[in-house]
Amino acid sequence: MNGRRAALNTNALANLLRHELAKAGLPEEDRFACHGFRRAYATRLYKTLRQQGFRDPLVYIQEQLGHEYLSTTQQYCQLDDDYRYFLIQDAAQALMRHYGGEDDDD
């Protein structure tokens, strides 16, 4: 219900967000839609779960968002290049620990 005790229009929140972003003077390329909150939630949750050592954060997020396919969830987690580099380094260290970190001079 809104202040007039009428049901909110289904686009009311999107229109309000669009208006407030324009009023804030954000350039067009920095503006986002309501769906951006969902993406931000997925991204932040992924980073938090990884930091806490959660075993399979993407599967958990997939369940949270109700996605049928894991590939959809992967697209939602908008990771910057620095974070991707961190993930690659983390994976490399895990492989080194698993395989003993010895060079093979064959």
PDB file of N, CA and C in Angstrom:
ATOM      1  N   MET A   1       0.838  -1.182   0.000  1.00  0.00           N
ATOM      2  CA  MET A   1       0.000   0.000   0.000  1.00  0.00           C
ATOM      3  C   MET A   1       0.888   1.252   0.000  1.00  0.00           C
ATOM      4  N   ASN A   2       0.440   2.261  -0.696  1.00  0.00           N
ATOM      5  CA  ASN A   2       1.179   3.513  -0.687  1.00  0.00           C
ATOM      6  C   ASN A   2       0.506   4.481   0.289  1.00  0.00           C
ATOM      7  N   GLY A   3       0.954   5.727   0.310  1.00  0.00           N
ATOM      8  CA  GLY A   3       0.417   6.723   1.243  1.00  0.00           C
ATOM      9  C   GLY A   3      -1.052   7.029   1.035  1.00  0.00           C
ATOM     10  N   ARG A   4      -1.573   6.712  -0.127  1.00  0.00           N
ATOM     11  CA  ARG A   4      -2.988   6.968  -0.420  1.00  0.00           C
ATOM     12  C   ARG A   4      -3.844   5.739  -0.166  1.00  0.00           C
ATOM     13  N   ARG A   5      -3.252   4.729   0.463  1.00  0.00           N
ATOM     14  CA  ARG A   5      -3.937   3.473   0.770  1.00  0.00           C
ATOM     15  C   ARG A   5      -4.416   2.740  -0.488  1.00  0.00           C
ATOM     16  N   ALA A   6      -3.639   2.867  -1.533  1.00  0.00           N
ATOM     17  CA  ALA A   6      -3.920   2.152  -2.771  1.00  0.00           C
ATOM     18  C   ALA A   6      -2.752   1.198  -3.021  1.00  0.00           C
ATOM     19  N   ALA A   7      -3.026   0.148  -3.737  1.00  0.00           N
ATOM     20  CA  ALA A   7      -1.967  -0.810  -4.056  1.00  0.00           C
ATOM     21  C   ALA A   7      -0.914  -0.129  -4.918  1.00  0.00           C
ATOM     22  N   LEU A   8       0.351  -0.486  -4.655  1.00  0.00           N
ATOM     23  CA  LEU A   8       1.439   0.063  -5.451  1.00  0.00           C
ATOM     24  C   LEU A   8       1.419  -0.536  -6.848  1.00  0.00           C
ATOM     25  N   ASN A   9       1.722   0.286  -7.807  1.00  0.00           N
ATOM     26  CA  ASN A   9       1.898  -0.177  -9.179  1.00  0.00           C
ATOM     27  C   ASN A   9       3.100  -1.101  -9.206  1.00  0.00           C
ATOM     28  N   THR A  10       3.077  -2.117 -10.040  1.00  0.00           N
ATOM     29  CA  THR A  10       4.188  -3.074 -10.090  1.00  0.00           C
ATOM     30  C   THR A  10       5.500  -2.419 -10.506  1.00  0.00           C
ATOM     31  N   ASN A  11       5.451  -1.301 -11.179  1.00  0.00           N
ATOM     32  CA  ASN A  11       6.665  -0.599 -11.611  1.00  0.00           C
ATOM     33  C   ASN A  11       7.034   0.564 -10.695  1.00  0.00           C
ATOM     34  N   ALA A  12       6.326   0.725  -9.581  1.00  0.00           N
ATOM     35  CA  ALA A  12       6.536   1.891  -8.719  1.00  0.00           C
ATOM     36  C   ALA A  12       7.958   1.961  -8.189  1.00  0.00           C
ATOM     37  N   LEU A  13       8.487   0.861  -7.705  1.00  0.00           N
ATOM     38  CA  LEU A  13       9.842   0.867  -7.151  1.00  0.00           C
ATOM     39  C   LEU A  13      10.876   1.153  -8.234  1.00  0.00           C
ATOM     40  N   ALA A  14      10.694   0.546  -9.399  1.00  0.00           N
ATOM     41  CA  ALA A  14      11.620   0.784 -10.506  1.00  0.00           C
ATOM     42  C   ALA A  14      11.584   2.254 -10.924  1.00  0.00           C
ATOM     43  N   ASN A  15      10.386   2.828 -10.993  1.00  0.00           N
ATOM     44  CA  ASN A  15      10.267   4.236 -11.364  1.00  0.00           C
ATOM     45  C   ASN A  15      10.897   5.142 -10.312  1.00  0.00           C
ATOM     46  N   LEU A  16      10.693   4.823  -9.040  1.00  0.00           N
ATOM     47  CA  LEU A  16      11.278   5.603  -7.958  1.00  0.00           C
ATOM     48  C   LEU A  16      12.806   5.541  -8.017  1.00  0.00           C
ATOM     49  N   LEU A  17      13.349   4.357  -8.212  1.00  0.00           N
ATOM     50  CA  LEU A  17      14.804   4.197  -8.305  1.00  0.00           C
ATOM     51  C   LEU A  17      15.350   4.997  -9.489  1.00  0.00           C
ATOM     52  N   ARG A  18      14.703   4.885 -10.642  1.00  0.00           N
ATOM     53  CA  ARG A  18      15.136   5.616 -11.838  1.00  0.00           C
ATOM     54  C   ARG A  18      15.135   7.129 -11.565  1.00  0.00           C
ATOM     55  N   HIS A  19      14.083   7.610 -10.921  1.00  0.00           N
ATOM     56  CA  HIS A  19      13.960   9.032 -10.597  1.00  0.00           C
ATOM     57  C   HIS A  19      15.069   9.478  -9.633  1.00  0.00           C
ATOM     58  N   GLU A  20      15.306   8.691  -8.594  1.00  0.00           N
ATOM     59  CA  GLU A  20      16.313   9.058  -7.590  1.00  0.00           C
ATOM     60  C   GLU A  20      17.727   9.024  -8.166  1.00  0.00           C
ATOM     61  N   LEU A  21      17.998   8.072  -9.048  1.00  0.00           N
ATOM     62  CA  LEU A  21      19.328   8.015  -9.676  1.00  0.00           C
ATOM     63  C   LEU A  21      19.556   9.224 -10.569  1.00  0.00           C
ATOM     64  N   ALA A  22      18.516   9.626 -11.298  1.00  0.00           N
ATOM     65  CA  ALA A  22      18.627  10.810 -12.149  1.00  0.00           C
ATOM     66  C   ALA A  22      18.792  12.056 -11.284  1.00  0.00           C
ATOM     67  N   LYS A  23      18.020  12.136 -10.208  1.00  0.00           N
ATOM     68  CA  LYS A  23      18.089  13.284  -9.296  1.00  0.00           C
ATOM     69  C   LYS A  23      19.475  13.390  -8.646  1.00  0.00           C
ATOM     70  N   ALA A  24      20.104  12.248  -8.411  1.00  0.00           N
ATOM     71  CA  ALA A  24      21.437  12.240  -7.805  1.00  0.00           C
ATOM     72  C   ALA A  24      22.510  12.684  -8.796  1.00  0.00           C
ATOM     73  N   GLY A  25      22.132  12.785 -10.062  1.00  0.00           N
ATOM     74  CA  GLY A  25      23.072  13.254 -11.068  1.00  0.00           C
ATOM     75  C   GLY A  25      24.041  12.198 -11.564  1.00  0.00           C
ATOM     76  N   LEU A  26      23.696  10.929 -11.356  1.00  0.00           N
ATOM     77  CA  LEU A  26      24.589   9.870 -11.839  1.00  0.00           C
ATOM     78  C   LEU A  26      24.572   9.833 -13.364  1.00  0.00           C
ATOM     79  N   PRO A  27      25.748   9.654 -13.966  1.00  0.00           N
ATOM     80  CA  PRO A  27      25.763   9.503 -15.421  1.00  0.00           C
ATOM     81  C   PRO A  27      25.008   8.236 -15.823  1.00  0.00           C
ATOM     82  N   GLU A  28      24.507   8.242 -17.014  1.00  0.00           N
ATOM     83  CA  GLU A  28      23.677   7.128 -17.503  1.00  0.00           C
ATOM     84  C   GLU A  28      24.366   5.772 -17.347  1.00  0.00           C
ATOM     85  N   GLU A  29      25.675   5.697 -17.608  1.00  0.00           N
ATOM     86  CA  GLU A  29      26.377   4.412 -17.550  1.00  0.00           C
ATOM     87  C   GLU A  29      26.529   3.881 -16.116  1.00  0.00           C
ATOM     88  N   ASP A  30      26.322   4.735 -15.114  1.00  0.00           N
ATOM     89  CA  ASP A  30      26.435   4.303 -13.725  1.00  0.00           C
ATOM     90  C   ASP A  30      25.079   3.979 -13.090  1.00  0.00           C
ATOM     91  N   ARG A  31      24.033   4.167 -13.827  1.00  0.00           N
ATOM     92  CA  ARG A  31      22.691   3.891 -13.286  1.00  0.00           C
ATOM     93  C   ARG A  31      22.388   2.403 -13.400  1.00  0.00           C
ATOM     94  N   PHE A  32      21.487   1.938 -12.584  1.00  0.00           N
ATOM     95  CA  PHE A  32      21.128   0.520 -12.580  1.00  0.00           C
ATOM     96  C   PHE A  32      19.644   0.374 -12.305  1.00  0.00           C
ATOM     97  N   ALA A  33      19.128  -0.795 -12.584  1.00  0.00           N
ATOM     98  CA  ALA A  33      17.719  -1.096 -12.351  1.00  0.00           C
ATOM     99  C   ALA A  33      17.583  -1.876 -11.047  1.00  0.00           C
ATOM    100  N   CYS A  34      16.367  -2.113 -10.638  1.00  0.00           N
ATOM    101  CA  CYS A  34      16.123  -2.869  -9.403  1.00  0.00           C
ATOM    102  C   CYS A  34      16.796  -4.236  -9.443  1.00  0.00           C
ATOM    103  N   HIS A  35      16.882  -4.803 -10.610  1.00  0.00           N
ATOM    104  CA  HIS A  35      17.507  -6.118 -10.748  1.00  0.00           C
ATOM    105  C   HIS A  35      18.979  -6.068 -10.322  1.00  0.00           C
ATOM    106  N   GLY A  36      19.562  -4.879 -10.365  1.00  0.00           N
ATOM    107  CA  GLY A  36      20.943  -4.703  -9.936  1.00  0.00           C
ATOM    108  C   GLY A  36      21.145  -5.057  -8.469  1.00  0.00           C
ATOM    109  N   PHE A  37      20.098  -4.871  -7.657  1.00  0.00           N
ATOM    110  CA  PHE A  37      20.201  -5.255  -6.249  1.00  0.00           C
ATOM    111  C   PHE A  37      20.382  -6.765  -6.111  1.00  0.00           C
ATOM    112  N   ARG A  38      19.707  -7.503  -6.966  1.00  0.00           N
ATOM    113  CA  ARG A  38      19.808  -8.970  -6.950  1.00  0.00           C
ATOM    114  C   ARG A  38      21.221  -9.408  -7.324  1.00  0.00           C
ATOM    115  N   ARG A  39      21.781  -8.754  -8.333  1.00  0.00           N
ATOM    116  CA  ARG A  39      23.145  -9.058  -8.752  1.00  0.00           C
ATOM    117  C   ARG A  39      24.148  -8.682  -7.660  1.00  0.00           C
ATOM    118  N   ALA A  40      23.939  -7.527  -7.031  1.00  0.00           N
ATOM    119  CA  ALA A  40      24.834  -7.098  -5.955  1.00  0.00           C
ATOM    120  C   ALA A  40      24.769  -8.079  -4.787  1.00  0.00           C
ATOM    121  N   TYR A  41      23.566  -8.551  -4.462  1.00  0.00           N
ATOM    122  CA  TYR A  41      23.406  -9.534  -3.388  1.00  0.00           C
ATOM    123  C   TYR A  41      24.192 -10.802  -3.716  1.00  0.00           C
ATOM    124  N   ALA A  42      24.037 -11.296  -4.940  1.00  0.00           N
ATOM    125  CA  ALA A  42      24.727 -12.527  -5.346  1.00  0.00           C
ATOM    126  C   ALA A  42      26.243 -12.350  -5.293  1.00  0.00           C
ATOM    127  N   THR A  43      26.728 -11.225  -5.785  1.00  0.00           N
ATOM    128  CA  THR A  43      28.166 -10.973  -5.806  1.00  0.00           C
ATOM    129  C   THR A  43      28.741 -10.868  -4.402  1.00  0.00           C
ATOM    130  N   ARG A  44      28.084 -10.100  -3.562  1.00  0.00           N
ATOM    131  CA  ARG A  44      28.583  -9.931  -2.189  1.00  0.00           C
ATOM    132  C   ARG A  44      28.493 -11.226  -1.403  1.00  0.00           C
ATOM    133  N   LEU A  45      27.418 -11.959  -1.596  1.00  0.00           N
ATOM    134  CA  LEU A  45      27.282 -13.239  -0.903  1.00  0.00           C
ATOM    135  C   LEU A  45      28.378 -14.201  -1.350  1.00  0.00           C
ATOM    136  N   TYR A  46      28.663 -14.237  -2.644  1.00  0.00           N
ATOM    137  CA  TYR A  46      29.713 -15.115  -3.154  1.00  0.00           C
ATOM    138  C   TYR A  46      31.051 -14.773  -2.511  1.00  0.00           C
ATOM    139  N   LYS A  47      31.406 -13.486  -2.511  1.00  0.00           N
ATOM    140  CA  LYS A  47      32.689 -13.076  -1.938  1.00  0.00           C
ATOM    141  C   LYS A  47      32.767 -13.400  -0.452  1.00  0.00           C
ATOM    142  N   THR A  48      31.681 -13.181   0.262  1.00  0.00           N
ATOM    143  CA  THR A  48      31.654 -13.463   1.701  1.00  0.00           C
ATOM    144  C   THR A  48      31.811 -14.954   1.965  1.00  0.00           C
ATOM    145  N   LEU A  49      31.084 -15.767   1.224  1.00  0.00           N
ATOM    146  CA  LEU A  49      31.156 -17.217   1.429  1.00  0.00           C
ATOM    147  C   LEU A  49      32.544 -17.753   1.087  1.00  0.00           C
ATOM    148  N   ARG A  50      33.149 -17.233   0.013  1.00  0.00           N
ATOM    149  CA  ARG A  50      34.517 -17.653  -0.347  1.00  0.00           C
ATOM    150  C   ARG A  50      35.494 -17.290   0.765  1.00  0.00           C
ATOM    151  N   GLN A  51      35.342 -16.084   1.296  1.00  0.00           N
ATOM    152  CA  GLN A  51      36.224 -15.611   2.355  1.00  0.00           C
ATOM    153  C   GLN A  51      36.096 -16.481   3.601  1.00  0.00           C
ATOM    154  N   GLN A  52      34.897 -16.990   3.851  1.00  0.00           N
ATOM    155  CA  GLN A  52      34.655 -17.830   5.022  1.00  0.00           C
ATOM    156  C   GLN A  52      34.998 -19.293   4.765  1.00  0.00           C
ATOM    157  N   GLY A  53      35.458 -19.599   3.559  1.00  0.00           N
ATOM    158  CA  GLY A  53      35.850 -20.965   3.236  1.00  0.00           C
ATOM    159  C   GLY A  53      34.671 -21.884   2.960  1.00  0.00           C
ATOM    160  N   PHE A  54      33.534 -21.324   2.587  1.00  0.00           N
ATOM    161  CA  PHE A  54      32.351 -22.113   2.259  1.00  0.00           C
ATOM    162  C   PHE A  54      32.686 -23.041   1.106  1.00  0.00           C
ATOM    163  N   ARG A  55      32.275 -24.275   1.191  1.00  0.00           N
ATOM    164  CA  ARG A  55      32.731 -25.299   0.246  1.00  0.00           C
ATOM    165  C   ARG A  55      32.334 -25.030  -1.196  1.00  0.00           C
ATOM    166  N   ASP A  56      31.082 -24.729  -1.454  1.00  0.00           N
ATOM    167  CA  ASP A  56      30.622 -24.515  -2.829  1.00  0.00           C
ATOM    168  C   ASP A  56      29.636 -23.350  -2.867  1.00  0.00           C
ATOM    169  N   PRO A  57      30.154 -22.124  -2.824  1.00  0.00           N
ATOM    170  CA  PRO A  57      29.262 -20.969  -2.712  1.00  0.00           C
ATOM    171  C   PRO A  57      28.311 -20.789  -3.883  1.00  0.00           C
ATOM    172  N   LEU A  58      28.723 -21.130  -5.097  1.00  0.00           N
ATOM    173  CA  LEU A  58      27.831 -20.922  -6.242  1.00  0.00           C
ATOM    174  C   LEU A  58      26.574 -21.777  -6.153  1.00  0.00           C
ATOM    175  N   VAL A  59      26.707 -23.002  -5.677  1.00  0.00           N
ATOM    176  CA  VAL A  59      25.538 -23.867  -5.552  1.00  0.00           C
ATOM    177  C   VAL A  59      24.578 -23.296  -4.505  1.00  0.00           C
ATOM    178  N   TYR A  60      25.127 -22.803  -3.406  1.00  0.00           N
ATOM    179  CA  TYR A  60      24.303 -22.193  -2.364  1.00  0.00           C
ATOM    180  C   TYR A  60      23.568 -20.968  -2.910  1.00  0.00           C
ATOM    181  N   ILE A  61      24.282 -20.113  -3.641  1.00  0.00           N
ATOM    182  CA  ILE A  61      23.674 -18.909  -4.210  1.00  0.00           C
ATOM    183  C   ILE A  61      22.632 -19.284  -5.252  1.00  0.00           C
ATOM    184  N   GLN A  62      22.908 -20.324  -6.018  1.00  0.00           N
ATOM    185  CA  GLN A  62      21.943 -20.802  -7.004  1.00  0.00           C
ATOM    186  C   GLN A  62      20.618 -21.144  -6.322  1.00  0.00           C
ATOM    187  N   GLU A  63      20.705 -21.818  -5.190  1.00  0.00           N
ATOM    188  CA  GLU A  63      19.494 -22.162  -4.440  1.00  0.00           C
ATOM    189  C   GLU A  63      18.818 -20.916  -3.891  1.00  0.00           C
ATOM    190  N   GLN A  64      19.610 -19.964  -3.390  1.00  0.00           N
ATOM    191  CA  GLN A  64      19.057 -18.731  -2.842  1.00  0.00           C
ATOM    192  C   GLN A  64      18.298 -17.927  -3.895  1.00  0.00           C
ATOM    193  N   LEU A  65      18.848 -17.888  -5.103  1.00  0.00           N
ATOM    194  CA  LEU A  65      18.234 -17.089  -6.167  1.00  0.00           C
ATOM    195  C   LEU A  65      17.170 -17.853  -6.944  1.00  0.00           C
ATOM    196  N   GLY A  66      17.118 -19.171  -6.753  1.00  0.00           N
ATOM    197  CA  GLY A  66      16.120 -19.973  -7.452  1.00  0.00           C
ATOM    198  C   GLY A  66      16.433 -20.221  -8.915  1.00  0.00           C
ATOM    199  N   HIS A  67      17.710 -20.212  -9.261  1.00  0.00           N
ATOM    200  CA  HIS A  67      18.098 -20.468 -10.648  1.00  0.00           C
ATOM    201  C   HIS A  67      18.071 -21.956 -10.948  1.00  0.00           C
ATOM    202  N   GLU A  68      17.651 -22.282 -12.134  1.00  0.00           N
ATOM    203  CA  GLU A  68      17.663 -23.680 -12.563  1.00  0.00           C
ATOM    204  C   GLU A  68      19.071 -24.118 -12.949  1.00  0.00           C
ATOM    205  N   TYR A  69      19.819 -23.203 -13.584  1.00  0.00           N
ATOM    206  CA  TYR A  69      21.137 -23.543 -14.096  1.00  0.00           C
ATOM    207  C   TYR A  69      22.237 -22.778 -13.353  1.00  0.00           C
ATOM    208  N   LEU A  70      23.312 -23.469 -13.051  1.00  0.00           N
ATOM    209  CA  LEU A  70      24.442 -22.853 -12.377  1.00  0.00           C
ATOM    210  C   LEU A  70      25.077 -21.769 -13.250  1.00  0.00           C
ATOM    211  N   SER A  71      25.022 -21.931 -14.551  1.00  0.00           N
ATOM    212  CA  SER A  71      25.600 -20.937 -15.455  1.00  0.00           C
ATOM    213  C   SER A  71      24.904 -19.575 -15.304  1.00  0.00           C
ATOM    214  N   THR A  72      23.631 -19.582 -15.004  1.00  0.00           N
ATOM    215  CA  THR A  72      22.908 -18.329 -14.761  1.00  0.00           C
ATOM    216  C   THR A  72      23.439 -17.661 -13.509  1.00  0.00           C
ATOM    217  N   THR A  73      23.655 -18.450 -12.466  1.00  0.00           N
ATOM    218  CA  THR A  73      24.176 -17.915 -11.206  1.00  0.00           C
ATOM    219  C   THR A  73      25.570 -17.348 -11.406  1.00  0.00           C
ATOM    220  N   GLN A  74      26.386 -18.010 -12.205  1.00  0.00           N
ATOM    221  CA  GLN A  74      27.738 -17.517 -12.470  1.00  0.00           C
ATOM    222  C   GLN A  74      27.685 -16.134 -13.115  1.00  0.00           C
ATOM    223  N   GLN A  75      26.712 -15.904 -13.978  1.00  0.00           N
ATOM    224  CA  GLN A  75      26.581 -14.600 -14.623  1.00  0.00           C
ATOM    225  C   GLN A  75      26.156 -13.531 -13.623  1.00  0.00           C
ATOM    226  N   TYR A  76      25.420 -13.922 -12.609  1.00  0.00           N
ATOM    227  CA  TYR A  76      24.974 -12.961 -11.601  1.00  0.00           C
ATOM    228  C   TYR A  76      26.113 -12.474 -10.738  1.00  0.00           C
ATOM    229  N   CYS A  77      27.070 -13.319 -10.461  1.00  0.00           N
ATOM    230  CA  CYS A  77      28.197 -12.942  -9.607  1.00  0.00           C
ATOM    231  C   CYS A  77      29.177 -12.142 -10.445  1.00  0.00           C
ATOM    232  N   GLN A  78      29.029 -10.842 -10.388  1.00  0.00           N
ATOM    233  CA  GLN A  78      29.834  -9.949 -11.217  1.00  0.00           C
ATOM    234  C   GLN A  78      31.153  -9.664 -10.507  1.00  0.00           C
ATOM    235  N   LEU A  79      32.147 -10.451 -10.843  1.00  0.00           N
ATOM    236  CA  LEU A  79      33.441 -10.347 -10.180  1.00  0.00           C
ATOM    237  C   LEU A  79      34.383  -9.502 -11.019  1.00  0.00           C
ATOM    238  N   ASP A  80      35.054  -8.560 -10.365  1.00  0.00           N
ATOM    239  CA  ASP A  80      36.003  -7.728 -11.093  1.00  0.00           C
ATOM    240  C   ASP A  80      37.288  -8.512 -11.352  1.00  0.00           C
ATOM    241  N   ASP A  81      38.147  -7.962 -12.191  1.00  0.00           N
ATOM    242  CA  ASP A  81      39.379  -8.659 -12.581  1.00  0.00           C
ATOM    243  C   ASP A  81      40.285  -8.951 -11.395  1.00  0.00           C
ATOM    244  N   ASP A  82      40.352  -8.024 -10.439  1.00  0.00           N
ATOM    245  CA  ASP A  82      41.188  -8.247  -9.258  1.00  0.00           C
ATOM    246  C   ASP A  82      40.703  -9.456  -8.472  1.00  0.00           C
ATOM    247  N   TYR A  83      39.394  -9.589  -8.338  1.00  0.00           N
ATOM    248  CA  TYR A  83      38.865 -10.719  -7.580  1.00  0.00           C
ATOM    249  C   TYR A  83      39.059 -12.026  -8.352  1.00  0.00           C
ATOM    250  N   ARG A  84      38.923 -11.972  -9.669  1.00  0.00           N
ATOM    251  CA  ARG A  84      39.179 -13.166 -10.485  1.00  0.00           C
ATOM    252  C   ARG A  84      40.636 -13.606 -10.352  1.00  0.00           C
ATOM    253  N   TYR A  85      41.537 -12.640 -10.311  1.00  0.00           N
ATOM    254  CA  TYR A  85      42.951 -12.952 -10.122  1.00  0.00           C
ATOM    255  C   TYR A  85      43.158 -13.630  -8.771  1.00  0.00           C
ATOM    256  N   PHE A  86      42.492 -13.115  -7.739  1.00  0.00           N
ATOM    257  CA  PHE A  86      42.557 -13.730  -6.407  1.00  0.00           C
ATOM    258  C   PHE A  86      42.082 -15.177  -6.470  1.00  0.00           C
ATOM    259  N   LEU A  87      40.982 -15.434  -7.176  1.00  0.00           N
ATOM    260  CA  LEU A  87      40.454 -16.799  -7.272  1.00  0.00           C
ATOM    261  C   LEU A  87      41.434 -17.720  -7.984  1.00  0.00           C
ATOM    262  N   ILE A  88      42.080 -17.214  -9.020  1.00  0.00           N
ATOM    263  CA  ILE A  88      43.062 -18.021  -9.750  1.00  0.00           C
ATOM    264  C   ILE A  88      44.252 -18.343  -8.843  1.00  0.00           C
ATOM    265  N   GLN A  89      44.723 -17.354  -8.105  1.00  0.00           N
ATOM    266  CA  GLN A  89      45.842 -17.573  -7.180  1.00  0.00           C
ATOM    267  C   GLN A  89      45.454 -18.572  -6.094  1.00  0.00           C
ATOM    268  N   ASP A  90      44.249 -18.443  -5.591  1.00  0.00           N
ATOM    269  CA  ASP A  90      43.750 -19.357  -4.560  1.00  0.00           C
ATOM    270  C   ASP A  90      43.685 -20.789  -5.097  1.00  0.00           C
ATOM    271  N   ALA A  91      43.202 -20.942  -6.324  1.00  0.00           N
ATOM    272  CA  ALA A  91      43.116 -22.272  -6.932  1.00  0.00           C
ATOM    273  C   ALA A  91      44.516 -22.849  -7.171  1.00  0.00           C
ATOM    274  N   ALA A  92      45.437 -22.003  -7.612  1.00  0.00           N
ATOM    275  CA  ALA A  92      46.809 -22.469  -7.850  1.00  0.00           C
ATOM    276  C   ALA A  92      47.454 -22.943  -6.557  1.00  0.00           C
ATOM    277  N   GLN A  93      47.252 -22.208  -5.480  1.00  0.00           N
ATOM    278  CA  GLN A  93      47.806 -22.614  -4.181  1.00  0.00           C
ATOM    279  C   GLN A  93      47.200 -23.937  -3.710  1.00  0.00           C
ATOM    280  N   ALA A  94      45.902 -24.106  -3.942  1.00  0.00           N
ATOM    281  CA  ALA A  94      45.248 -25.355  -3.551  1.00  0.00           C
ATOM    282  C   ALA A  94      45.821 -26.530  -4.345  1.00  0.00           C
ATOM    283  N   LEU A  95      46.074 -26.320  -5.628  1.00  0.00           N
ATOM    284  CA  LEU A  95      46.673 -27.380  -6.443  1.00  0.00           C
ATOM    285  C   LEU A  95      48.087 -27.694  -5.980  1.00  0.00           C
ATOM    286  N   MET A  96      48.836 -26.672  -5.633  1.00  0.00           N
ATOM    287  CA  MET A  96      50.199 -26.885  -5.149  1.00  0.00           C
ATOM    288  C   MET A  96      50.182 -27.681  -3.841  1.00  0.00           C
ATOM    289  N   ARG A  97      49.260 -27.352  -2.956  1.00  0.00           N
ATOM    290  CA  ARG A  97      49.160 -28.093  -1.693  1.00  0.00           C
ATOM    291  C   ARG A  97      48.768 -29.537  -1.960  1.00  0.00           C
ATOM    292  N   HIS A  98      47.830 -29.714  -2.875  1.00  0.00           N
ATOM    293  CA  HIS A  98      47.335 -31.067  -3.174  1.00  0.00           C
ATOM    294  C   HIS A  98      48.419 -31.955  -3.797  1.00  0.00           C
ATOM    295  N   TYR A  99      49.185 -31.374  -4.708  1.00  0.00           N
ATOM    296  CA  TYR A  99      50.183 -32.161  -5.414  1.00  0.00           C
ATOM    297  C   TYR A  99      51.586 -32.022  -4.823  1.00  0.00           C
ATOM    298  N   GLY A 100      51.692 -31.396  -3.665  1.00  0.00           N
ATOM    299  CA  GLY A 100      52.954 -31.333  -2.961  1.00  0.00           C
ATOM    300  C   GLY A 100      53.864 -30.202  -3.367  1.00  0.00           C
ATOM    301  N   GLY A 101      53.506 -29.433  -4.377  1.00  0.00           N
ATOM    302  CA  GLY A 101      54.291 -28.277  -4.757  1.00  0.00           C
ATOM    303  C   GLY A 101      55.655 -28.590  -5.335  1.00  0.00           C
ATOM    304  N   GLU A 102      55.885 -29.815  -5.752  1.00  0.00           N
ATOM    305  CA  GLU A 102      57.196 -30.164  -6.306  1.00  0.00           C
ATOM    306  C   GLU A 102      57.180 -29.992  -7.811  1.00  0.00           C
ATOM    307  N   ASP A 103      58.258 -29.431  -8.337  1.00  0.00           N
ATOM    308  CA  ASP A 103      58.396 -29.306  -9.781  1.00  0.00           C
ATOM    309  C   ASP A 103      58.769 -30.645 -10.366  1.00  0.00           C
ATOM    310  N   ASP A 104      58.258 -30.925 -11.544  1.00  0.00           N
ATOM    311  CA  ASP A 104      58.552 -32.169 -12.235  1.00  0.00           C
ATOM    312  C   ASP A 104      59.571 -31.863 -13.316  1.00  0.00           C
ATOM    313  N   ASP A 105      60.825 -32.329 -13.170  1.00  0.00           N
ATOM    314  CA  ASP A 105      61.902 -32.019 -14.084  1.00  0.00           C
ATOM    315  C   ASP A 105      62.103 -33.102 -15.161  1.00  0.00           C
ATOM    316  N   ASP A 106      61.047 -33.786 -15.550  1.00  0.00           N
ATOM    317  CA  ASP A 106      61.166 -34.833 -16.566  1.00  0.00           C
ATOM    318  C   ASP A 106      61.362 -34.284 -17.940  1.00  0.00           C
TER     319      ASP A 106
END
